[in-house]
Amino acid sequence: MMRLIKVKNIKDVETINHIVSQYSFDIWIHGKSGMVDAKSILGIFALKLSEPLTLVVPDDANYTPLFKELEEFIVFG
């Protein structure tokens, strides 16, 4: 399952990293500058935050609670 996300600043990076670190399944962030483990705060900082980013989780994971917690970062439309 994939969702576009918007990360504006360091606080957003810290918040997203804190939330995803609570989940046992793999969570990735893909961007034009690469793909990183969302549980790695250094990995997230390696991405260009100004580019479109996609949060990727396994289709068989229970991702509904995760997306609920991240709803302020998810881009709709």
PDB file of N, CA and C in Angstrom:
ATOM      1  N   MET A   1       0.852  -1.172   0.000  1.00  0.00           N
ATOM      2  CA  MET A   1       0.000   0.000   0.000  1.00  0.00           C
ATOM      3  C   MET A   1       0.894   1.230   0.000  1.00  0.00           C
ATOM      4  N   MET A   2       0.528   2.204  -0.796  1.00  0.00           N
ATOM      5  CA  MET A   2       1.325   3.423  -0.920  1.00  0.00           C
ATOM      6  C   MET A   2       0.459   4.654  -0.675  1.00  0.00           C
ATOM      7  N   ARG A   3       1.078   5.649  -0.064  1.00  0.00           N
ATOM      8  CA  ARG A   3       0.427   6.938   0.155  1.00  0.00           C
ATOM      9  C   ARG A   3       1.448   8.046  -0.062  1.00  0.00           C
ATOM     10  N   LEU A   4       1.061   9.078  -0.798  1.00  0.00           N
ATOM     11  CA  LEU A   4       1.908  10.258  -0.937  1.00  0.00           C
ATOM     12  C   LEU A   4       1.915  11.001   0.392  1.00  0.00           C
ATOM     13  N   ILE A   5       3.098  11.476   0.802  1.00  0.00           N
ATOM     14  CA  ILE A   5       3.198  12.233   2.039  1.00  0.00           C
ATOM     15  C   ILE A   5       3.941  13.540   1.783  1.00  0.00           C
ATOM     16  N   LYS A   6       3.685  14.517   2.642  1.00  0.00           N
ATOM     17  CA  LYS A   6       4.353  15.815   2.567  1.00  0.00           C
ATOM     18  C   LYS A   6       5.106  16.020   3.874  1.00  0.00           C
ATOM     19  N   VAL A   7       6.410  16.196   3.763  1.00  0.00           N
ATOM     20  CA  VAL A   7       7.271  16.428   4.914  1.00  0.00           C
ATOM     21  C   VAL A   7       7.865  17.819   4.745  1.00  0.00           C
ATOM     22  N   LYS A   8       7.549  18.721   5.672  1.00  0.00           N
ATOM     23  CA  LYS A   8       7.929  20.117   5.499  1.00  0.00           C
ATOM     24  C   LYS A   8       9.199  20.522   6.246  1.00  0.00           C
ATOM     25  N   ASN A   9       9.472  19.858   7.374  1.00  0.00           N
ATOM     26  CA  ASN A   9      10.584  20.331   8.196  1.00  0.00           C
ATOM     27  C   ASN A   9      11.112  19.216   9.117  1.00  0.00           C
ATOM     28  N   ILE A  10      12.097  19.559   9.927  1.00  0.00           N
ATOM     29  CA  ILE A  10      12.724  18.590  10.827  1.00  0.00           C
ATOM     30  C   ILE A  10      11.721  18.016  11.816  1.00  0.00           C
ATOM     31  N   LYS A  11      10.825  18.844  12.317  1.00  0.00           N
ATOM     32  CA  LYS A  11       9.809  18.358  13.265  1.00  0.00           C
ATOM     33  C   LYS A  11       8.952  17.275  12.619  1.00  0.00           C
ATOM     34  N   ASP A  12       8.578  17.460  11.356  1.00  0.00           N
ATOM     35  CA  ASP A  12       7.793  16.443  10.636  1.00  0.00           C
ATOM     36  C   ASP A  12       8.578  15.136  10.530  1.00  0.00           C
ATOM     37  N   VAL A  13       9.871  15.230  10.214  1.00  0.00           N
ATOM     38  CA  VAL A  13      10.712  14.037  10.109  1.00  0.00           C
ATOM     39  C   VAL A  13      10.721  13.291  11.441  1.00  0.00           C
ATOM     40  N   GLU A  14      10.926  14.021  12.515  1.00  0.00           N
ATOM     41  CA  GLU A  14      10.970  13.401  13.843  1.00  0.00           C
ATOM     42  C   GLU A  14       9.639  12.753  14.205  1.00  0.00           C
ATOM     43  N   THR A  15       8.543  13.421  13.904  1.00  0.00           N
ATOM     44  CA  THR A  15       7.213  12.892  14.223  1.00  0.00           C
ATOM     45  C   THR A  15       6.927  11.629  13.419  1.00  0.00           C
ATOM     46  N   ILE A  16       7.175  11.672  12.123  1.00  0.00           N
ATOM     47  CA  ILE A  16       6.935  10.506  11.268  1.00  0.00           C
ATOM     48  C   ILE A  16       7.797   9.334  11.729  1.00  0.00           C
ATOM     49  N   ASN A  17       9.064   9.588  11.989  1.00  0.00           N
ATOM     50  CA  ASN A  17       9.964   8.531  12.440  1.00  0.00           C
ATOM     51  C   ASN A  17       9.492   7.916  13.757  1.00  0.00           C
ATOM     52  N   HIS A  18       9.046   8.740  14.678  1.00  0.00           N
ATOM     53  CA  HIS A  18       8.544   8.241  15.968  1.00  0.00           C
ATOM     54  C   HIS A  18       7.316   7.345  15.771  1.00  0.00           C
ATOM     55  N   ILE A  19       6.402   7.767  14.923  1.00  0.00           N
ATOM     56  CA  ILE A  19       5.178   6.996  14.674  1.00  0.00           C
ATOM     57  C   ILE A  19       5.503   5.663  14.014  1.00  0.00           C
ATOM     58  N   VAL A  20       6.263   5.683  12.923  1.00  0.00           N
ATOM     59  CA  VAL A  20       6.514   4.432  12.177  1.00  0.00           C
ATOM     60  C   VAL A  20       7.348   3.443  12.973  1.00  0.00           C
ATOM     61  N   SER A  21       8.180   3.935  13.875  1.00  0.00           N
ATOM     62  CA  SER A  21       9.033   3.051  14.677  1.00  0.00           C
ATOM     63  C   SER A  21       8.241   2.164  15.631  1.00  0.00           C
ATOM     64  N   GLN A  22       6.989   2.489  15.853  1.00  0.00           N
ATOM     65  CA  GLN A  22       6.135   1.701  16.750  1.00  0.00           C
ATOM     66  C   GLN A  22       5.517   0.482  16.061  1.00  0.00           C
ATOM     67  N   TYR A  23       5.677   0.369  14.748  1.00  0.00           N
ATOM     68  CA  TYR A  23       5.063  -0.714  13.987  1.00  0.00           C
ATOM     69  C   TYR A  23       6.099  -1.783  13.648  1.00  0.00           C
ATOM     70  N   SER A  24       5.661  -3.048  13.674  1.00  0.00           N
ATOM     71  CA  SER A  24       6.600  -4.160  13.478  1.00  0.00           C
ATOM     72  C   SER A  24       6.888  -4.460  12.008  1.00  0.00           C
ATOM     73  N   PHE A  25       6.035  -4.016  11.099  1.00  0.00           N
ATOM     74  CA  PHE A  25       6.259  -4.313   9.677  1.00  0.00           C
ATOM     75  C   PHE A  25       7.167  -3.264   9.036  1.00  0.00           C
ATOM     76  N   ASP A  26       7.730  -3.619   7.886  1.00  0.00           N
ATOM     77  CA  ASP A  26       8.618  -2.710   7.151  1.00  0.00           C
ATOM     78  C   ASP A  26       7.833  -1.519   6.622  1.00  0.00           C
ATOM     79  N   ILE A  27       8.435  -0.356   6.712  1.00  0.00           N
ATOM     80  CA  ILE A  27       7.843   0.876   6.188  1.00  0.00           C
ATOM     81  C   ILE A  27       8.960   1.633   5.480  1.00  0.00           C
ATOM     82  N   TRP A  28       8.718   1.986   4.228  1.00  0.00           N
ATOM     83  CA  TRP A  28       9.722   2.643   3.400  1.00  0.00           C
ATOM     84  C   TRP A  28       9.217   4.000   2.940  1.00  0.00           C
ATOM     85  N   ILE A  29      10.137   4.887   2.658  1.00  0.00           N
ATOM     86  CA  ILE A  29       9.803   6.160   2.024  1.00  0.00           C
ATOM     87  C   ILE A  29      10.591   6.225   0.724  1.00  0.00           C
ATOM     88  N   HIS A  30       9.877   6.423  -0.371  1.00  0.00           N
ATOM     89  CA  HIS A  30      10.485   6.511  -1.704  1.00  0.00           C
ATOM     90  C   HIS A  30      10.405   7.952  -2.177  1.00  0.00           C
ATOM     91  N   GLY A  31      11.469   8.407  -2.789  1.00  0.00           N
ATOM     92  CA  GLY A  31      11.509   9.719  -3.414  1.00  0.00           C
ATOM     93  C   GLY A  31      12.404   9.651  -4.635  1.00  0.00           C
ATOM     94  N   LYS A  32      12.487  10.734  -5.370  1.00  0.00           N
ATOM     95  CA  LYS A  32      13.360  10.768  -6.551  1.00  0.00           C
ATOM     96  C   LYS A  32      14.822  10.599  -6.155  1.00  0.00           C
ATOM     97  N   SER A  33      15.172  11.002  -4.930  1.00  0.00           N
ATOM     98  CA  SER A  33      16.567  10.922  -4.495  1.00  0.00           C
ATOM     99  C   SER A  33      16.913   9.574  -3.862  1.00  0.00           C
ATOM    100  N   GLY A  34      15.940   8.662  -3.786  1.00  0.00           N
ATOM    101  CA  GLY A  34      16.233   7.334  -3.256  1.00  0.00           C
ATOM    102  C   GLY A  34      15.094   6.734  -2.472  1.00  0.00           C
ATOM    103  N   MET A  35      15.404   5.592  -1.858  1.00  0.00           N
ATOM    104  CA  MET A  35      14.426   4.860  -1.045  1.00  0.00           C
ATOM    105  C   MET A  35      15.088   4.587   0.301  1.00  0.00           C
ATOM    106  N   VAL A  36      14.371   4.881   1.398  1.00  0.00           N
ATOM    107  CA  VAL A  36      14.949   4.684   2.725  1.00  0.00           C
ATOM    108  C   VAL A  36      13.959   3.993   3.646  1.00  0.00           C
ATOM    109  N   ASP A  37      14.505   3.355   4.664  1.00  0.00           N
ATOM    110  CA  ASP A  37      13.707   2.772   5.728  1.00  0.00           C
ATOM    111  C   ASP A  37      13.146   3.924   6.556  1.00  0.00           C
ATOM    112  N   ALA A  38      11.834   4.010   6.674  1.00  0.00           N
ATOM    113  CA  ALA A  38      11.205   5.113   7.403  1.00  0.00           C
ATOM    114  C   ALA A  38      11.521   5.069   8.892  1.00  0.00           C
ATOM    115  N   LYS A  39      12.009   3.932   9.377  1.00  0.00           N
ATOM    116  CA  LYS A  39      12.377   3.817  10.791  1.00  0.00           C
ATOM    117  C   LYS A  39      13.789   4.340  11.050  1.00  0.00           C
ATOM    118  N   SER A  40      14.473   4.751   9.999  1.00  0.00           N
ATOM    119  CA  SER A  40      15.819   5.317  10.112  1.00  0.00           C
ATOM    120  C   SER A  40      15.733   6.835   9.967  1.00  0.00           C
ATOM    121  N   ILE A  41      15.896   7.535  11.067  1.00  0.00           N
ATOM    122  CA  ILE A  41      15.795   8.995  11.005  1.00  0.00           C
ATOM    123  C   ILE A  41      16.885   9.577  10.101  1.00  0.00           C
ATOM    124  N   LEU A  42      18.077   8.992  10.124  1.00  0.00           N
ATOM    125  CA  LEU A  42      19.140   9.458   9.228  1.00  0.00           C
ATOM    126  C   LEU A  42      18.785   9.201   7.769  1.00  0.00           C
ATOM    127  N   GLY A  43      18.118   8.081   7.523  1.00  0.00           N
ATOM    128  CA  GLY A  43      17.677   7.779   6.169  1.00  0.00           C
ATOM    129  C   GLY A  43      16.706   8.823   5.643  1.00  0.00           C
ATOM    130  N   ILE A  44      15.765   9.205   6.478  1.00  0.00           N
ATOM    131  CA  ILE A  44      14.782  10.215   6.063  1.00  0.00           C
ATOM    132  C   ILE A  44      15.485  11.535   5.751  1.00  0.00           C
ATOM    133  N   PHE A  45      16.461  11.903   6.595  1.00  0.00           N
ATOM    134  CA  PHE A  45      17.190  13.150   6.353  1.00  0.00           C
ATOM    135  C   PHE A  45      18.005  13.104   5.064  1.00  0.00           C
ATOM    136  N   ALA A  46      18.297  11.911   4.569  1.00  0.00           N
ATOM    137  CA  ALA A  46      19.047  11.783   3.314  1.00  0.00           C
ATOM    138  C   ALA A  46      18.190  12.136   2.098  1.00  0.00           C
ATOM    139  N   LEU A  47      16.873  12.110   2.263  1.00  0.00           N
ATOM    140  CA  LEU A  47      15.971  12.444   1.161  1.00  0.00           C
ATOM    141  C   LEU A  47      15.819  13.951   1.020  1.00  0.00           C
ATOM    142  N   LYS A  48      15.482  14.374  -0.169  1.00  0.00           N
ATOM    143  CA  LYS A  48      15.155  15.783  -0.387  1.00  0.00           C
ATOM    144  C   LYS A  48      13.689  15.961   0.006  1.00  0.00           C
ATOM    145  N   LEU A  49      13.451  16.731   1.049  1.00  0.00           N
ATOM    146  CA  LEU A  49      12.089  16.877   1.559  1.00  0.00           C
ATOM    147  C   LEU A  49      11.199  17.692   0.640  1.00  0.00           C
ATOM    148  N   SER A  50      11.805  18.416  -0.295  1.00  0.00           N
ATOM    149  CA  SER A  50      11.017  19.243  -1.219  1.00  0.00           C
ATOM    150  C   SER A  50      10.419  18.431  -2.363  1.00  0.00           C
ATOM    151  N   GLU A  51      10.876  17.185  -2.548  1.00  0.00           N
ATOM    152  CA  GLU A  51      10.356  16.356  -3.638  1.00  0.00           C
ATOM    153  C   GLU A  51       9.150  15.545  -3.176  1.00  0.00           C
ATOM    154  N   PRO A  52       8.353  15.045  -4.107  1.00  0.00           N
ATOM    155  CA  PRO A  52       7.232  14.176  -3.733  1.00  0.00           C
ATOM    156  C   PRO A  52       7.766  12.904  -3.071  1.00  0.00           C
ATOM    157  N   LEU A  53       7.186  12.532  -1.941  1.00  0.00           N
ATOM    158  CA  LEU A  53       7.600  11.336  -1.210  1.00  0.00           C
ATOM    159  C   LEU A  53       6.423  10.383  -1.087  1.00  0.00           C
ATOM    160  N   THR A  54       6.721   9.098  -1.141  1.00  0.00           N
ATOM    161  CA  THR A  54       5.689   8.070  -1.043  1.00  0.00           C
ATOM    162  C   THR A  54       6.023   7.135   0.097  1.00  0.00           C
ATOM    163  N   LEU A  55       5.079   6.961   1.001  1.00  0.00           N
ATOM    164  CA  LEU A  55       5.201   6.004   2.096  1.00  0.00           C
ATOM    165  C   LEU A  55       4.711   4.658   1.580  1.00  0.00           C
ATOM    166  N   VAL A  56       5.512   3.607   1.768  1.00  0.00           N
ATOM    167  CA  VAL A  56       5.189   2.284   1.228  1.00  0.00           C
ATOM    168  C   VAL A  56       5.191   1.265   2.370  1.00  0.00           C
ATOM    169  N   VAL A  57       4.084   0.522   2.492  1.00  0.00           N
ATOM    170  CA  VAL A  57       3.977  -0.551   3.488  1.00  0.00           C
ATOM    171  C   VAL A  57       3.490  -1.819   2.781  1.00  0.00           C
ATOM    172  N   PRO A  58       3.796  -2.993   3.340  1.00  0.00           N
ATOM    173  CA  PRO A  58       3.331  -4.233   2.708  1.00  0.00           C
ATOM    174  C   PRO A  58       1.804  -4.274   2.630  1.00  0.00           C
ATOM    175  N   ASP A  59       1.293  -4.824   1.533  1.00  0.00           N
ATOM    176  CA  ASP A  59      -0.155  -4.914   1.345  1.00  0.00           C
ATOM    177  C   ASP A  59      -0.834  -5.767   2.407  1.00  0.00           C
ATOM    178  N   ASP A  60      -0.101  -6.743   2.976  1.00  0.00           N
ATOM    179  CA  ASP A  60      -0.716  -7.638   3.959  1.00  0.00           C
ATOM    180  C   ASP A  60      -0.593  -7.125   5.395  1.00  0.00           C
ATOM    181  N   ALA A  61      -0.017  -5.935   5.588  1.00  0.00           N
ATOM    182  CA  ALA A  61       0.125  -5.357   6.929  1.00  0.00           C
ATOM    183  C   ALA A  61      -1.176  -4.670   7.344  1.00  0.00           C
ATOM    184  N   ASN A  62      -1.394  -4.568   8.635  1.00  0.00           N
ATOM    185  CA  ASN A  62      -2.537  -3.824   9.153  1.00  0.00           C
ATOM    186  C   ASN A  62      -2.129  -2.345   9.204  1.00  0.00           C
ATOM    187  N   TYR A  63      -2.235  -1.676   8.074  1.00  0.00           N
ATOM    188  CA  TYR A  63      -1.731  -0.311   7.927  1.00  0.00           C
ATOM    189  C   TYR A  63      -2.752   0.765   8.276  1.00  0.00           C
ATOM    190  N   THR A  64      -4.003   0.406   8.507  1.00  0.00           N
ATOM    191  CA  THR A  64      -5.033   1.408   8.804  1.00  0.00           C
ATOM    192  C   THR A  64      -4.679   2.273  10.016  1.00  0.00           C
ATOM    193  N   PRO A  65      -4.248   1.679  11.152  1.00  0.00           N
ATOM    194  CA  PRO A  65      -3.877   2.536  12.287  1.00  0.00           C
ATOM    195  C   PRO A  65      -2.681   3.441  11.979  1.00  0.00           C
ATOM    196  N   LEU A  66      -1.728   2.948  11.206  1.00  0.00           N
ATOM    197  CA  LEU A  66      -0.570   3.748  10.824  1.00  0.00           C
ATOM    198  C   LEU A  66      -1.009   4.969  10.018  1.00  0.00           C
ATOM    199  N   PHE A  67      -1.825   4.752   9.004  1.00  0.00           N
ATOM    200  CA  PHE A  67      -2.275   5.866   8.166  1.00  0.00           C
ATOM    201  C   PHE A  67      -3.130   6.848   8.965  1.00  0.00           C
ATOM    202  N   LYS A  68      -3.854   6.372   9.952  1.00  0.00           N
ATOM    203  CA  LYS A  68      -4.647   7.255  10.817  1.00  0.00           C
ATOM    204  C   LYS A  68      -3.706   8.174  11.607  1.00  0.00           C
ATOM    205  N   GLU A  69      -2.629   7.586  12.155  1.00  0.00           N
ATOM    206  CA  GLU A  69      -1.670   8.388  12.925  1.00  0.00           C
ATOM    207  C   GLU A  69      -0.922   9.387  12.052  1.00  0.00           C
ATOM    208  N   LEU A  70      -0.723   9.036  10.793  1.00  0.00           N
ATOM    209  CA  LEU A  70       0.030   9.897   9.870  1.00  0.00           C
ATOM    210  C   LEU A  70      -0.851  10.793   9.020  1.00  0.00           C
ATOM    211  N   GLU A  71      -2.117  10.880   9.334  1.00  0.00           N
ATOM    212  CA  GLU A  71      -3.060  11.550   8.447  1.00  0.00           C
ATOM    213  C   GLU A  71      -2.715  13.013   8.168  1.00  0.00           C
ATOM    214  N   GLU A  72      -2.062  13.704   9.103  1.00  0.00           N
ATOM    215  CA  GLU A  72      -1.696  15.101   8.837  1.00  0.00           C
ATOM    216  C   GLU A  72      -0.608  15.239   7.778  1.00  0.00           C
ATOM    217  N   PHE A  73       0.110  14.140   7.469  1.00  0.00           N
ATOM    218  CA  PHE A  73       1.181  14.163   6.477  1.00  0.00           C
ATOM    219  C   PHE A  73       0.759  13.579   5.127  1.00  0.00           C
ATOM    220  N   ILE A  74      -0.359  12.876   5.103  1.00  0.00           N
ATOM    221  CA  ILE A  74      -0.797  12.225   3.875  1.00  0.00           C
ATOM    222  C   ILE A  74      -1.433  13.238   2.928  1.00  0.00           C
ATOM    223  N   VAL A  75      -1.036  13.178   1.680  1.00  0.00           N
ATOM    224  CA  VAL A  75      -1.540  14.093   0.652  1.00  0.00           C
ATOM    225  C   VAL A  75      -2.682  13.409  -0.075  1.00  0.00           C
ATOM    226  N   PHE A  76      -3.814  14.074  -0.156  1.00  0.00           N
ATOM    227  CA  PHE A  76      -4.962  13.526  -0.881  1.00  0.00           C
ATOM    228  C   PHE A  76      -5.129  14.323  -2.164  1.00  0.00           C
ATOM    229  N   GLY A  77      -5.558  13.600  -3.197  1.00  0.00           N
ATOM    230  CA  GLY A  77      -5.871  14.288  -4.429  1.00  0.00           C
ATOM    231  C   GLY A  77      -4.927  14.111  -5.502  1.00  0.00           C
TER     232      GLY A  77
END
